[in-house]
Amino acid sequence: MTADIASLAPAQSPSGEGTTGKPPLEILLCAPRGFCAGVVRAIDVVERALALYGPPVYVRHEIVHNKYVVESLKRKGAVFVRELDEVPDSGAPVIFSAHGVAKTVPANADSRGLTTIDATCPLVTKVHREAEIHHKRGRHVLLVGHSGHPEVVGTMGQLPKGSITLVEDLDQIQALTPENPDNLAWVTQTTLSVDDTRHIVEALKKKFPNITGPHKDDICYATTNRQEAVKQVAPLVDALIVVGSSNSSNSQRLREVAERVGCPITRLVLRAEEIDWPAFEGIRKLGLTAGASAPEVLVEEIIEAFAARYDVIVDTVSTVVEDMVFPLPRELRSEAAE
């Protein structure tokens, strides 16, 4: 069922109990939510490689930031490593995660003769190419993102040291003193808060009026769509749960968005067993969404957990329909494999 947002009044406290004897609870299910095209592609890459090569298949870093997904792939024969030196010279393929890698990583793999498969999200690759083009045109690149995130490490690793600078907040912008302030460009991590990034980019443009940006925003469609859905639902509910892992940037941003629009209780939860039940006592409307790397089965698990305690009605609040699909890397497509 798709609910009309305009008809959804803020939560009230109805008297009495539901037909089951349990307190009533309306769950507003955000749509879109969960897997994006880049995550679907990355998981398909691992599963297709396992089918073609047989286990083990090595994956550098978590293929996507979701522990449930990673553990599921481990059971199928994927072996996750932090660095290439953990991969034996056995002929087994190595997959690079959806977050992308620095240029030194595939170069090191090539020097060892390893078979590699790149599962980098095409939208991350787009940012890599933008940064390279700016560098070739002599511009110093400013990357808006979070220090230490694998995507940021990979993007910074596309360019020579000293030619790209990470910008995390407004204070850092004030401290920037580039050698040539009229020859700058900016790119962003794809999983940032849309609102935070807008403020940072506005500050960059104000300080450096001639700075060059991307033709199209770098924040991916899935991040934007999921944040917009949360903005619509969060003011209407007593509490909101984001299903996702704590190390998932886009999941953390969803939680922050809900907080900023005034939702009184917001939680990031991976599995139903992590729910802090006392925090949800007395609620009558619950918002529910999932980060772009969280599978739908975990959303269903959360709903079932609430249904065991409440008389649950689920309404879906849809803001946009997603139909994006990314093809597998050429070496894994059926025609190439055959």
C-alpha atoms as a PDB file:
ATOM      1  CA  MET A   1       0.000   0.000   0.000  1.00  0.00           C
ATOM      2  CA  THR A   2       1.305   3.474  -0.900  1.00  0.00           C
ATOM      3  CA  ALA A   3       0.230   6.195   1.475  1.00  0.00           C
ATOM      4  CA  ASP A   4      -0.561   9.768   0.482  1.00  0.00           C
ATOM      5  CA  ILE A   5       1.928  11.826   2.499  1.00  0.00           C
ATOM      6  CA  ALA A   6      -0.481  14.743   2.806  1.00  0.00           C
ATOM      7  CA  SER A   7      -3.030  12.493   4.511  1.00  0.00           C
ATOM      8  CA  LEU A   8      -0.673  11.233   7.180  1.00  0.00           C
ATOM      9  CA  ALA A   9      -1.206  13.276  10.311  1.00  0.00           C
ATOM     10  CA  PRO A  10       1.443  13.475  13.043  1.00  0.00           C
ATOM     11  CA  ALA A  11       1.279  10.616  15.518  1.00  0.00           C
ATOM     12  CA  GLN A  12      -1.414  10.694  18.154  1.00  0.00           C
ATOM     13  CA  SER A  13      -2.019   8.351  21.080  1.00  0.00           C
ATOM     14  CA  PRO A  14      -5.153   6.334  20.278  1.00  0.00           C
ATOM     15  CA  SER A  15      -7.020   4.851  23.188  1.00  0.00           C
ATOM     16  CA  GLY A  16      -7.482   1.134  23.596  1.00  0.00           C
ATOM     17  CA  GLU A  17      -5.590  -1.764  22.124  1.00  0.00           C
ATOM     18  CA  GLY A  18      -5.561  -3.469  18.732  1.00  0.00           C
ATOM     19  CA  THR A  19      -7.636  -6.470  17.825  1.00  0.00           C
ATOM     20  CA  THR A  20      -4.867  -8.804  18.993  1.00  0.00           C
ATOM     21  CA  GLY A  21      -4.759  -7.340  22.494  1.00  0.00           C
ATOM     22  CA  LYS A  22      -1.411  -5.717  21.692  1.00  0.00           C
ATOM     23  CA  PRO A  23      -0.939  -1.942  21.440  1.00  0.00           C
ATOM     24  CA  PRO A  24      -1.489  -0.578  17.913  1.00  0.00           C
ATOM     25  CA  LEU A  25       1.483   0.521  15.823  1.00  0.00           C
ATOM     26  CA  GLU A  26       1.529   2.022  12.347  1.00  0.00           C
ATOM     27  CA  ILE A  27       4.817   1.515  10.507  1.00  0.00           C
ATOM     28  CA  LEU A  28       5.558   3.994   7.726  1.00  0.00           C
ATOM     29  CA  LEU A  29       7.924   2.193   5.405  1.00  0.00           C
ATOM     30  CA  CYS A  30      10.135   4.542   3.380  1.00  0.00           C
ATOM     31  CA  ALA A  31      10.475   3.907  -0.332  1.00  0.00           C
ATOM     32  CA  PRO A  32      12.954   3.786  -1.854  1.00  0.00           C
ATOM     33  CA  ARG A  33      15.111   2.055   0.735  1.00  0.00           C
ATOM     34  CA  GLY A  34      17.749  -0.652   0.870  1.00  0.00           C
ATOM     35  CA  PHE A  35      19.898  -1.947  -1.962  1.00  0.00           C
ATOM     36  CA  CYS A  36      20.944   0.470  -4.686  1.00  0.00           C
ATOM     37  CA  ALA A  37      22.096  -0.548  -8.168  1.00  0.00           C
ATOM     38  CA  GLY A  38      25.766  -0.298  -7.193  1.00  0.00           C
ATOM     39  CA  VAL A  39      25.320  -2.627  -4.221  1.00  0.00           C
ATOM     40  CA  VAL A  40      23.297  -5.127  -6.249  1.00  0.00           C
ATOM     41  CA  ARG A  41      26.045  -5.134  -8.867  1.00  0.00           C
ATOM     42  CA  ALA A  42      28.826  -5.589  -6.281  1.00  0.00           C
ATOM     43  CA  ILE A  43      27.109  -8.555  -4.613  1.00  0.00           C
ATOM     44  CA  ASP A  44      26.352 -10.053  -8.034  1.00  0.00           C
ATOM     45  CA  VAL A  45      30.038  -9.707  -8.925  1.00  0.00           C
ATOM     46  CA  VAL A  46      31.069 -11.854  -5.958  1.00  0.00           C
ATOM     47  CA  GLU A  47      28.372 -14.460  -6.519  1.00  0.00           C
ATOM     48  CA  ARG A  48      29.059 -14.644 -10.268  1.00  0.00           C
ATOM     49  CA  ALA A  49      32.804 -14.975  -9.643  1.00  0.00           C
ATOM     50  CA  LEU A  50      32.157 -17.817  -7.188  1.00  0.00           C
ATOM     51  CA  ALA A  51      30.024 -19.558  -9.803  1.00  0.00           C
ATOM     52  CA  LEU A  52      32.644 -19.143 -12.539  1.00  0.00           C
ATOM     53  CA  TYR A  53      35.870 -19.739 -10.630  1.00  0.00           C
ATOM     54  CA  GLY A  54      34.676 -21.707  -7.623  1.00  0.00           C
ATOM     55  CA  PRO A  55      35.664 -20.852  -4.051  1.00  0.00           C
ATOM     56  CA  PRO A  56      37.669 -19.279  -2.691  1.00  0.00           C
ATOM     57  CA  VAL A  57      37.254 -15.858  -4.236  1.00  0.00           C
ATOM     58  CA  TYR A  58      39.135 -13.093  -2.432  1.00  0.00           C
ATOM     59  CA  VAL A  59      37.571  -9.683  -1.776  1.00  0.00           C
ATOM     60  CA  ARG A  60      39.667  -6.706  -0.724  1.00  0.00           C
ATOM     61  CA  HIS A  61      37.791  -4.996   2.130  1.00  0.00           C
ATOM     62  CA  GLU A  62      34.064  -5.444   2.684  1.00  0.00           C
ATOM     63  CA  ILE A  63      32.336  -5.640  -0.701  1.00  0.00           C
ATOM     64  CA  VAL A  64      29.665  -3.341   0.764  1.00  0.00           C
ATOM     65  CA  HIS A  65      29.318  -1.996   4.298  1.00  0.00           C
ATOM     66  CA  ASN A  66      26.877  -4.507   5.716  1.00  0.00           C
ATOM     67  CA  LYS A  67      27.907  -7.291   8.080  1.00  0.00           C
ATOM     68  CA  TYR A  68      24.928  -9.488   7.179  1.00  0.00           C
ATOM     69  CA  VAL A  69      25.852  -9.364   3.486  1.00  0.00           C
ATOM     70  CA  VAL A  70      29.528 -10.004   4.189  1.00  0.00           C
ATOM     71  CA  GLU A  71      28.809 -13.000   6.422  1.00  0.00           C
ATOM     72  CA  SER A  72      26.411 -14.425   3.829  1.00  0.00           C
ATOM     73  CA  LEU A  73      29.093 -14.225   1.131  1.00  0.00           C
ATOM     74  CA  LYS A  74      31.670 -15.768   3.462  1.00  0.00           C
ATOM     75  CA  ARG A  75      29.439 -18.808   3.815  1.00  0.00           C
ATOM     76  CA  LYS A  76      29.396 -19.144   0.022  1.00  0.00           C
ATOM     77  CA  GLY A  77      33.189 -19.112  -0.210  1.00  0.00           C
ATOM     78  CA  ALA A  78      34.252 -15.473  -0.339  1.00  0.00           C
ATOM     79  CA  VAL A  79      37.359 -14.623   1.676  1.00  0.00           C
ATOM     80  CA  PHE A  80      37.636 -10.999   2.803  1.00  0.00           C
ATOM     81  CA  VAL A  81      41.088  -9.483   3.246  1.00  0.00           C
ATOM     82  CA  ARG A  82      42.338  -6.049   4.192  1.00  0.00           C
ATOM     83  CA  GLU A  83      45.278  -5.926   1.794  1.00  0.00           C
ATOM     84  CA  LEU A  84      46.594  -7.841  -1.203  1.00  0.00           C
ATOM     85  CA  ASP A  85      49.494  -9.351   0.721  1.00  0.00           C
ATOM     86  CA  GLU A  86      46.923 -11.615   2.402  1.00  0.00           C
ATOM     87  CA  VAL A  87      46.002 -13.142  -0.971  1.00  0.00           C
ATOM     88  CA  PRO A  88      48.023 -16.266  -1.875  1.00  0.00           C
ATOM     89  CA  ASP A  89      49.443 -16.874  -5.345  1.00  0.00           C
ATOM     90  CA  SER A  90      46.875 -19.573  -6.026  1.00  0.00           C
ATOM     91  CA  GLY A  91      45.242 -18.236  -9.162  1.00  0.00           C
ATOM     92  CA  ALA A  92      42.035 -17.327  -7.300  1.00  0.00           C
ATOM     93  CA  PRO A  93      40.553 -13.979  -8.384  1.00  0.00           C
ATOM     94  CA  VAL A  94      40.591 -10.843  -6.255  1.00  0.00           C
ATOM     95  CA  ILE A  95      37.607  -8.495  -6.248  1.00  0.00           C
ATOM     96  CA  PHE A  96      37.865  -4.804  -5.431  1.00  0.00           C
ATOM     97  CA  SER A  97      34.959  -3.508  -3.331  1.00  0.00           C
ATOM     98  CA  ALA A  98      32.153  -1.190  -4.445  1.00  0.00           C
ATOM     99  CA  HIS A  99      33.880   1.748  -2.740  1.00  0.00           C
ATOM    100  CA  GLY A 100      36.761   1.845  -5.233  1.00  0.00           C
ATOM    101  CA  VAL A 101      40.511   1.632  -4.699  1.00  0.00           C
ATOM    102  CA  ALA A 102      43.586   3.782  -5.165  1.00  0.00           C
ATOM    103  CA  LYS A 103      45.529   3.258  -8.404  1.00  0.00           C
ATOM    104  CA  THR A 104      48.349   1.581  -6.491  1.00  0.00           C
ATOM    105  CA  VAL A 105      46.094  -1.379  -5.610  1.00  0.00           C
ATOM    106  CA  PRO A 106      45.452  -2.750  -9.131  1.00  0.00           C
ATOM    107  CA  ALA A 107      49.043  -1.870 -10.034  1.00  0.00           C
ATOM    108  CA  ASN A 108      50.307  -4.041  -7.169  1.00  0.00           C
ATOM    109  CA  ALA A 109      47.925  -6.816  -8.188  1.00  0.00           C
ATOM    110  CA  ASP A 110      49.192  -6.678 -11.772  1.00  0.00           C
ATOM    111  CA  SER A 111      52.798  -6.872 -10.603  1.00  0.00           C
ATOM    112  CA  ARG A 112      51.949 -10.141  -8.863  1.00  0.00           C
ATOM    113  CA  GLY A 113      49.987 -11.505 -11.792  1.00  0.00           C
ATOM    114  CA  LEU A 114      46.755 -11.686  -9.810  1.00  0.00           C
ATOM    115  CA  THR A 115      43.421 -12.010 -11.582  1.00  0.00           C
ATOM    116  CA  THR A 116      41.359  -8.995 -10.545  1.00  0.00           C
ATOM    117  CA  ILE A 117      37.718  -8.005 -10.933  1.00  0.00           C
ATOM    118  CA  ASP A 118      36.647  -4.425 -10.226  1.00  0.00           C
ATOM    119  CA  ALA A 119      33.292  -4.114  -8.451  1.00  0.00           C
ATOM    120  CA  THR A 120      33.633  -0.351  -7.963  1.00  0.00           C
ATOM    121  CA  CYS A 121      30.246   1.351  -8.240  1.00  0.00           C
ATOM    122  CA  PRO A 122      30.054   3.145 -11.616  1.00  0.00           C
ATOM    123  CA  LEU A 123      29.014   6.331  -9.814  1.00  0.00           C
ATOM    124  CA  VAL A 124      32.224   6.208  -7.763  1.00  0.00           C
ATOM    125  CA  THR A 125      34.194   5.588 -10.955  1.00  0.00           C
ATOM    126  CA  LYS A 126      32.538   8.721 -12.346  1.00  0.00           C
ATOM    127  CA  VAL A 127      34.031  10.746  -9.479  1.00  0.00           C
ATOM    128  CA  HIS A 128      37.453   9.169 -10.129  1.00  0.00           C
ATOM    129  CA  ARG A 129      37.305  10.212 -13.782  1.00  0.00           C
ATOM    130  CA  GLU A 130      36.206  13.737 -12.870  1.00  0.00           C
ATOM    131  CA  ALA A 131      39.152  14.126 -10.495  1.00  0.00           C
ATOM    132  CA  GLU A 132      41.566  12.863 -13.153  1.00  0.00           C
ATOM    133  CA  ILE A 133      40.224  15.263 -15.774  1.00  0.00           C
ATOM    134  CA  HIS A 134      40.545  18.233 -13.423  1.00  0.00           C
ATOM    135  CA  HIS A 135      44.103  17.208 -12.594  1.00  0.00           C
ATOM    136  CA  LYS A 136      45.035  16.908 -16.280  1.00  0.00           C
ATOM    137  CA  ARG A 137      43.683  20.421 -16.803  1.00  0.00           C
ATOM    138  CA  GLY A 138      45.979  21.727 -14.106  1.00  0.00           C
ATOM    139  CA  ARG A 139      43.403  22.232 -11.374  1.00  0.00           C
ATOM    140  CA  HIS A 140      43.968  21.383  -7.717  1.00  0.00           C
ATOM    141  CA  VAL A 141      41.116  19.131  -6.600  1.00  0.00           C
ATOM    142  CA  LEU A 142      39.150  19.545  -3.371  1.00  0.00           C
ATOM    143  CA  LEU A 143      37.368  16.357  -2.276  1.00  0.00           C
ATOM    144  CA  VAL A 144      34.383  16.822   0.043  1.00  0.00           C
ATOM    145  CA  GLY A 145      34.144  13.698   2.164  1.00  0.00           C
ATOM    146  CA  HIS A 146      34.939  11.867   5.390  1.00  0.00           C
ATOM    147  CA  SER A 147      38.523  11.031   6.291  1.00  0.00           C
ATOM    148  CA  GLY A 148      39.342   7.339   6.321  1.00  0.00           C
ATOM    149  CA  HIS A 149      36.267   6.176   4.422  1.00  0.00           C
ATOM    150  CA  PRO A 150      37.305   3.624   1.773  1.00  0.00           C
ATOM    151  CA  GLU A 151      35.679   5.643  -1.001  1.00  0.00           C
ATOM    152  CA  VAL A 152      37.631   8.741   0.002  1.00  0.00           C
ATOM    153  CA  VAL A 153      40.888   6.763   0.210  1.00  0.00           C
ATOM    154  CA  GLY A 154      40.222   5.382  -3.263  1.00  0.00           C
ATOM    155  CA  THR A 155      39.366   8.753  -4.804  1.00  0.00           C
ATOM    156  CA  MET A 156      42.382  10.503  -3.300  1.00  0.00           C
ATOM    157  CA  GLY A 157      44.499   7.636  -4.584  1.00  0.00           C
ATOM    158  CA  GLN A 158      43.593   8.442  -8.190  1.00  0.00           C
ATOM    159  CA  LEU A 159      45.856  11.490  -8.183  1.00  0.00           C
ATOM    160  CA  PRO A 160      49.497  12.192  -7.270  1.00  0.00           C
ATOM    161  CA  LYS A 161      50.106  13.135  -3.658  1.00  0.00           C
ATOM    162  CA  GLY A 162      49.612  16.842  -3.050  1.00  0.00           C
ATOM    163  CA  SER A 163      47.231  17.388  -5.967  1.00  0.00           C
ATOM    164  CA  ILE A 164      44.019  16.633  -4.050  1.00  0.00           C
ATOM    165  CA  THR A 165      42.899  17.956  -0.655  1.00  0.00           C
ATOM    166  CA  LEU A 166      40.191  16.517   1.584  1.00  0.00           C
ATOM    167  CA  VAL A 167      37.575  18.949   2.913  1.00  0.00           C
ATOM    168  CA  GLU A 168      35.395  17.628   5.745  1.00  0.00           C
ATOM    169  CA  ASP A 169      33.724  20.724   7.174  1.00  0.00           C
ATOM    170  CA  LEU A 170      33.249  24.481   6.963  1.00  0.00           C
ATOM    171  CA  ASP A 171      36.146  25.204   9.324  1.00  0.00           C
ATOM    172  CA  GLN A 172      38.585  23.527   6.956  1.00  0.00           C
ATOM    173  CA  ILE A 173      37.398  25.731   4.120  1.00  0.00           C
ATOM    174  CA  GLN A 174      38.327  28.840   6.075  1.00  0.00           C
ATOM    175  CA  ALA A 175      41.823  27.439   6.588  1.00  0.00           C
ATOM    176  CA  LEU A 176      42.410  26.629   2.903  1.00  0.00           C
ATOM    177  CA  THR A 177      45.191  28.634   1.256  1.00  0.00           C
ATOM    178  CA  PRO A 178      45.713  27.068  -2.183  1.00  0.00           C
ATOM    179  CA  GLU A 179      48.611  28.155  -4.342  1.00  0.00           C
ATOM    180  CA  ASN A 180      46.261  29.179  -7.140  1.00  0.00           C
ATOM    181  CA  PRO A 181      42.777  29.936  -5.756  1.00  0.00           C
ATOM    182  CA  ASP A 182      41.446  30.630  -9.267  1.00  0.00           C
ATOM    183  CA  ASN A 183      42.337  27.159 -10.544  1.00  0.00           C
ATOM    184  CA  LEU A 184      40.430  24.765  -8.275  1.00  0.00           C
ATOM    185  CA  ALA A 185      37.832  22.052  -8.734  1.00  0.00           C
ATOM    186  CA  TRP A 186      35.623  20.125  -6.315  1.00  0.00           C
ATOM    187  CA  VAL A 187      34.243  16.591  -6.251  1.00  0.00           C
ATOM    188  CA  THR A 188      32.440  14.732  -3.470  1.00  0.00           C
ATOM    189  CA  GLN A 189      32.077  11.364  -1.827  1.00  0.00           C
ATOM    190  CA  THR A 190      28.893   9.772  -3.179  1.00  0.00           C
ATOM    191  CA  THR A 191      27.278   8.878   0.176  1.00  0.00           C
ATOM    192  CA  LEU A 192      27.227  12.214   1.983  1.00  0.00           C
ATOM    193  CA  SER A 193      24.369  14.164   3.488  1.00  0.00           C
ATOM    194  CA  VAL A 194      22.791  16.182   0.685  1.00  0.00           C
ATOM    195  CA  ASP A 195      22.203  19.167   2.984  1.00  0.00           C
ATOM    196  CA  ASP A 196      25.664  19.123   4.582  1.00  0.00           C
ATOM    197  CA  THR A 197      27.335  18.902   1.208  1.00  0.00           C
ATOM    198  CA  ARG A 198      25.282  21.764  -0.184  1.00  0.00           C
ATOM    199  CA  HIS A 199      26.447  24.033   2.653  1.00  0.00           C
ATOM    200  CA  ILE A 200      30.079  23.059   2.132  1.00  0.00           C
ATOM    201  CA  VAL A 201      29.903  23.571  -1.641  1.00  0.00           C
ATOM    202  CA  GLU A 202      28.228  26.951  -1.145  1.00  0.00           C
ATOM    203  CA  ALA A 203      31.075  27.962   1.168  1.00  0.00           C
ATOM    204  CA  LEU A 204      33.661  26.782  -1.367  1.00  0.00           C
ATOM    205  CA  LYS A 205      32.013  28.807  -4.131  1.00  0.00           C
ATOM    206  CA  LYS A 206      31.842  31.863  -1.899  1.00  0.00           C
ATOM    207  CA  LYS A 207      35.534  31.710  -1.004  1.00  0.00           C
ATOM    208  CA  PHE A 208      36.690  30.583  -4.446  1.00  0.00           C
ATOM    209  CA  PRO A 209      34.267  32.099  -7.015  1.00  0.00           C
ATOM    210  CA  ASN A 210      36.087  30.526  -9.967  1.00  0.00           C
ATOM    211  CA  ILE A 211      36.068  26.969  -8.608  1.00  0.00           C
ATOM    212  CA  THR A 212      34.880  24.294 -11.053  1.00  0.00           C
ATOM    213  CA  GLY A 213      32.368  21.612 -10.080  1.00  0.00           C
ATOM    214  CA  PRO A 214      30.908  18.484 -11.675  1.00  0.00           C
ATOM    215  CA  HIS A 215      28.313  18.767 -14.441  1.00  0.00           C
ATOM    216  CA  LYS A 216      26.040  16.602 -12.305  1.00  0.00           C
ATOM    217  CA  ASP A 217      26.109  16.211  -8.518  1.00  0.00           C
ATOM    218  CA  ASP A 218      28.436  13.464  -7.287  1.00  0.00           C
ATOM    219  CA  ILE A 219      26.134  12.368  -4.462  1.00  0.00           C
ATOM    220  CA  CYS A 220      24.518   9.280  -5.913  1.00  0.00           C
ATOM    221  CA  TYR A 221      20.842   9.040  -6.815  1.00  0.00           C
ATOM    222  CA  ALA A 222      20.229   6.361  -4.168  1.00  0.00           C
ATOM    223  CA  THR A 223      21.687   8.450  -1.348  1.00  0.00           C
ATOM    224  CA  THR A 224      19.606  11.441  -2.416  1.00  0.00           C
ATOM    225  CA  ASN A 225      16.389   9.440  -2.820  1.00  0.00           C
ATOM    226  CA  ARG A 226      16.681   7.670   0.529  1.00  0.00           C
ATOM    227  CA  GLN A 227      17.370  10.925   2.360  1.00  0.00           C
ATOM    228  CA  GLU A 228      14.373  12.580   0.690  1.00  0.00           C
ATOM    229  CA  ALA A 229      12.090   9.722   1.745  1.00  0.00           C
ATOM    230  CA  VAL A 230      13.291  10.052   5.352  1.00  0.00           C
ATOM    231  CA  LYS A 231      12.675  13.810   5.271  1.00  0.00           C
ATOM    232  CA  GLN A 232       9.060  13.109   4.311  1.00  0.00           C
ATOM    233  CA  VAL A 233       8.424  10.399   6.910  1.00  0.00           C
ATOM    234  CA  ALA A 234      10.451  11.490   9.948  1.00  0.00           C
ATOM    235  CA  PRO A 235       8.229  14.466  10.941  1.00  0.00           C
ATOM    236  CA  LEU A 236       5.170  12.177  10.943  1.00  0.00           C
ATOM    237  CA  VAL A 237       6.386   9.496  13.355  1.00  0.00           C
ATOM    238  CA  ASP A 238       7.309   9.055  17.003  1.00  0.00           C
ATOM    239  CA  ALA A 239      10.488   7.152  16.156  1.00  0.00           C
ATOM    240  CA  LEU A 240      12.472   6.053  13.117  1.00  0.00           C
ATOM    241  CA  ILE A 241      14.778   3.091  12.577  1.00  0.00           C
ATOM    242  CA  VAL A 242      17.461   2.951   9.903  1.00  0.00           C
ATOM    243  CA  VAL A 243      18.427  -0.618   9.078  1.00  0.00           C
ATOM    244  CA  GLY A 244      22.144  -0.734   8.352  1.00  0.00           C
ATOM    245  CA  SER A 245      25.664  -1.220   9.651  1.00  0.00           C
ATOM    246  CA  SER A 246      27.405   1.339  11.829  1.00  0.00           C
ATOM    247  CA  ASN A 247      30.265   1.629   9.308  1.00  0.00           C
ATOM    248  CA  SER A 248      27.864   2.445   6.467  1.00  0.00           C
ATOM    249  CA  SER A 249      28.184   6.120   5.589  1.00  0.00           C
ATOM    250  CA  ASN A 250      24.849   6.387   3.790  1.00  0.00           C
ATOM    251  CA  SER A 251      23.061   4.646   6.690  1.00  0.00           C
ATOM    252  CA  GLN A 252      24.575   7.030   9.240  1.00  0.00           C
ATOM    253  CA  ARG A 253      23.511   9.981   7.089  1.00  0.00           C
ATOM    254  CA  LEU A 254      19.906   8.700   7.048  1.00  0.00           C
ATOM    255  CA  ARG A 255      19.878   8.638  10.842  1.00  0.00           C
ATOM    256  CA  GLU A 256      21.264  12.186  10.950  1.00  0.00           C
ATOM    257  CA  VAL A 257      18.658  13.419   8.460  1.00  0.00           C
ATOM    258  CA  ALA A 258      15.851  12.018  10.624  1.00  0.00           C
ATOM    259  CA  GLU A 259      17.276  13.746  13.686  1.00  0.00           C
ATOM    260  CA  ARG A 260      17.577  17.089  11.902  1.00  0.00           C
ATOM    261  CA  VAL A 261      13.974  17.158  10.765  1.00  0.00           C
ATOM    262  CA  GLY A 262      12.841  16.612  14.337  1.00  0.00           C
ATOM    263  CA  CYS A 263      12.191  12.915  14.813  1.00  0.00           C
ATOM    264  CA  PRO A 264      12.437  12.426  18.597  1.00  0.00           C
ATOM    265  CA  ILE A 265      13.845   8.872  18.541  1.00  0.00           C
ATOM    266  CA  THR A 266      16.227   7.688  15.808  1.00  0.00           C
ATOM    267  CA  ARG A 267      18.236   4.490  15.834  1.00  0.00           C
ATOM    268  CA  LEU A 268      20.625   2.745  13.447  1.00  0.00           C
ATOM    269  CA  VAL A 269      20.052  -1.000  13.797  1.00  0.00           C
ATOM    270  CA  LEU A 270      21.568  -3.915  11.893  1.00  0.00           C
ATOM    271  CA  ARG A 271      19.379  -6.746  13.205  1.00  0.00           C
ATOM    272  CA  ALA A 272      16.214  -7.059  15.284  1.00  0.00           C
ATOM    273  CA  GLU A 273      18.270  -8.365  18.200  1.00  0.00           C
ATOM    274  CA  GLU A 274      19.859  -4.901  18.514  1.00  0.00           C
ATOM    275  CA  ILE A 275      16.558  -3.059  19.082  1.00  0.00           C
ATOM    276  CA  ASP A 276      16.517  -1.086  22.334  1.00  0.00           C
ATOM    277  CA  TRP A 277      12.914  -1.899  23.214  1.00  0.00           C
ATOM    278  CA  PRO A 278      12.562   0.468  26.206  1.00  0.00           C
ATOM    279  CA  ALA A 279      13.357   3.386  23.890  1.00  0.00           C
ATOM    280  CA  PHE A 280      10.263   2.591  21.814  1.00  0.00           C
ATOM    281  CA  GLU A 281       7.748   2.246  24.647  1.00  0.00           C
ATOM    282  CA  GLY A 282       4.545   4.169  24.010  1.00  0.00           C
ATOM    283  CA  ILE A 283       5.128   4.887  20.305  1.00  0.00           C
ATOM    284  CA  ARG A 284       2.183   4.741  17.926  1.00  0.00           C
ATOM    285  CA  LYS A 285       3.920   5.525  14.612  1.00  0.00           C
ATOM    286  CA  LEU A 286       7.300   4.170  13.549  1.00  0.00           C
ATOM    287  CA  GLY A 287       9.291   5.167  10.480  1.00  0.00           C
ATOM    288  CA  LEU A 288      11.447   2.473   8.898  1.00  0.00           C
ATOM    289  CA  THR A 289      14.084   2.715   6.189  1.00  0.00           C
ATOM    290  CA  ALA A 290      17.293   0.947   5.195  1.00  0.00           C
ATOM    291  CA  GLY A 291      20.686   2.077   4.001  1.00  0.00           C
ATOM    292  CA  ALA A 292      21.729   1.345   0.434  1.00  0.00           C
ATOM    293  CA  SER A 293      23.764  -1.693   1.508  1.00  0.00           C
ATOM    294  CA  ALA A 294      21.075  -3.274   3.741  1.00  0.00           C
ATOM    295  CA  PRO A 295      19.065  -6.214   2.331  1.00  0.00           C
ATOM    296  CA  GLU A 296      15.275  -6.233   2.477  1.00  0.00           C
ATOM    297  CA  VAL A 297      15.286  -9.399   4.585  1.00  0.00           C
ATOM    298  CA  LEU A 298      16.594  -7.338   7.518  1.00  0.00           C
ATOM    299  CA  VAL A 299      13.780  -4.806   7.095  1.00  0.00           C
ATOM    300  CA  GLU A 300      11.298  -7.680   7.218  1.00  0.00           C
ATOM    301  CA  GLU A 301      13.015  -9.014  10.333  1.00  0.00           C
ATOM    302  CA  ILE A 302      12.543  -5.655  12.080  1.00  0.00           C
ATOM    303  CA  ILE A 303       8.853  -5.537  11.109  1.00  0.00           C
ATOM    304  CA  GLU A 304       8.326  -9.073  12.429  1.00  0.00           C
ATOM    305  CA  ALA A 305       9.995  -8.142  15.714  1.00  0.00           C
ATOM    306  CA  PHE A 306       7.605  -5.217  16.184  1.00  0.00           C
ATOM    307  CA  ALA A 307       4.650  -7.365  15.090  1.00  0.00           C
ATOM    308  CA  ALA A 308       5.430  -9.733  17.964  1.00  0.00           C
ATOM    309  CA  ARG A 309       4.870  -6.855  20.408  1.00  0.00           C
ATOM    310  CA  TYR A 310       2.387  -4.591  18.614  1.00  0.00           C
ATOM    311  CA  ASP A 311      -0.718  -4.855  16.464  1.00  0.00           C
ATOM    312  CA  VAL A 312       1.097  -3.648  13.348  1.00  0.00           C
ATOM    313  CA  ILE A 313      -0.224  -1.936  10.227  1.00  0.00           C
ATOM    314  CA  VAL A 314       2.362  -1.195   7.515  1.00  0.00           C
ATOM    315  CA  ASP A 315       1.966   1.675   5.055  1.00  0.00           C
ATOM    316  CA  THR A 316       4.559   2.411   2.364  1.00  0.00           C
ATOM    317  CA  VAL A 317       5.387   6.055   1.729  1.00  0.00           C
ATOM    318  CA  SER A 318       6.900   6.271  -1.745  1.00  0.00           C
ATOM    319  CA  THR A 319       8.667   9.408  -2.975  1.00  0.00           C
ATOM    320  CA  VAL A 320      10.208   8.120  -6.219  1.00  0.00           C
ATOM    321  CA  VAL A 321      10.510   4.899  -8.196  1.00  0.00           C
ATOM    322  CA  GLU A 322      14.057   3.699  -8.891  1.00  0.00           C
ATOM    323  CA  ASP A 323      14.868   1.681 -12.001  1.00  0.00           C
ATOM    324  CA  MET A 324      18.649   2.079 -12.240  1.00  0.00           C
ATOM    325  CA  VAL A 325      20.607  -1.039 -13.234  1.00  0.00           C
ATOM    326  CA  PHE A 326      24.369  -1.386 -13.702  1.00  0.00           C
ATOM    327  CA  PRO A 327      25.810  -4.184 -15.870  1.00  0.00           C
ATOM    328  CA  LEU A 328      28.380  -6.612 -14.502  1.00  0.00           C
ATOM    329  CA  PRO A 329      32.049  -6.164 -15.416  1.00  0.00           C
ATOM    330  CA  ARG A 330      32.662  -7.464 -18.928  1.00  0.00           C
ATOM    331  CA  GLU A 331      34.650 -10.508 -17.802  1.00  0.00           C
ATOM    332  CA  LEU A 332      31.690 -11.774 -15.756  1.00  0.00           C
ATOM    333  CA  ARG A 333      28.944 -11.341 -18.314  1.00  0.00           C
ATOM    334  CA  SER A 334      27.547 -14.594 -19.664  1.00  0.00           C
ATOM    335  CA  GLU A 335      28.706 -14.066 -23.226  1.00  0.00           C
ATOM    336  CA  ALA A 336      32.254 -13.254 -22.107  1.00  0.00           C
ATOM    337  CA  ALA A 337      32.377 -16.215 -19.723  1.00  0.00           C
ATOM    338  CA  GLU A 338      31.257 -18.583 -22.453  1.00  0.00           C
END
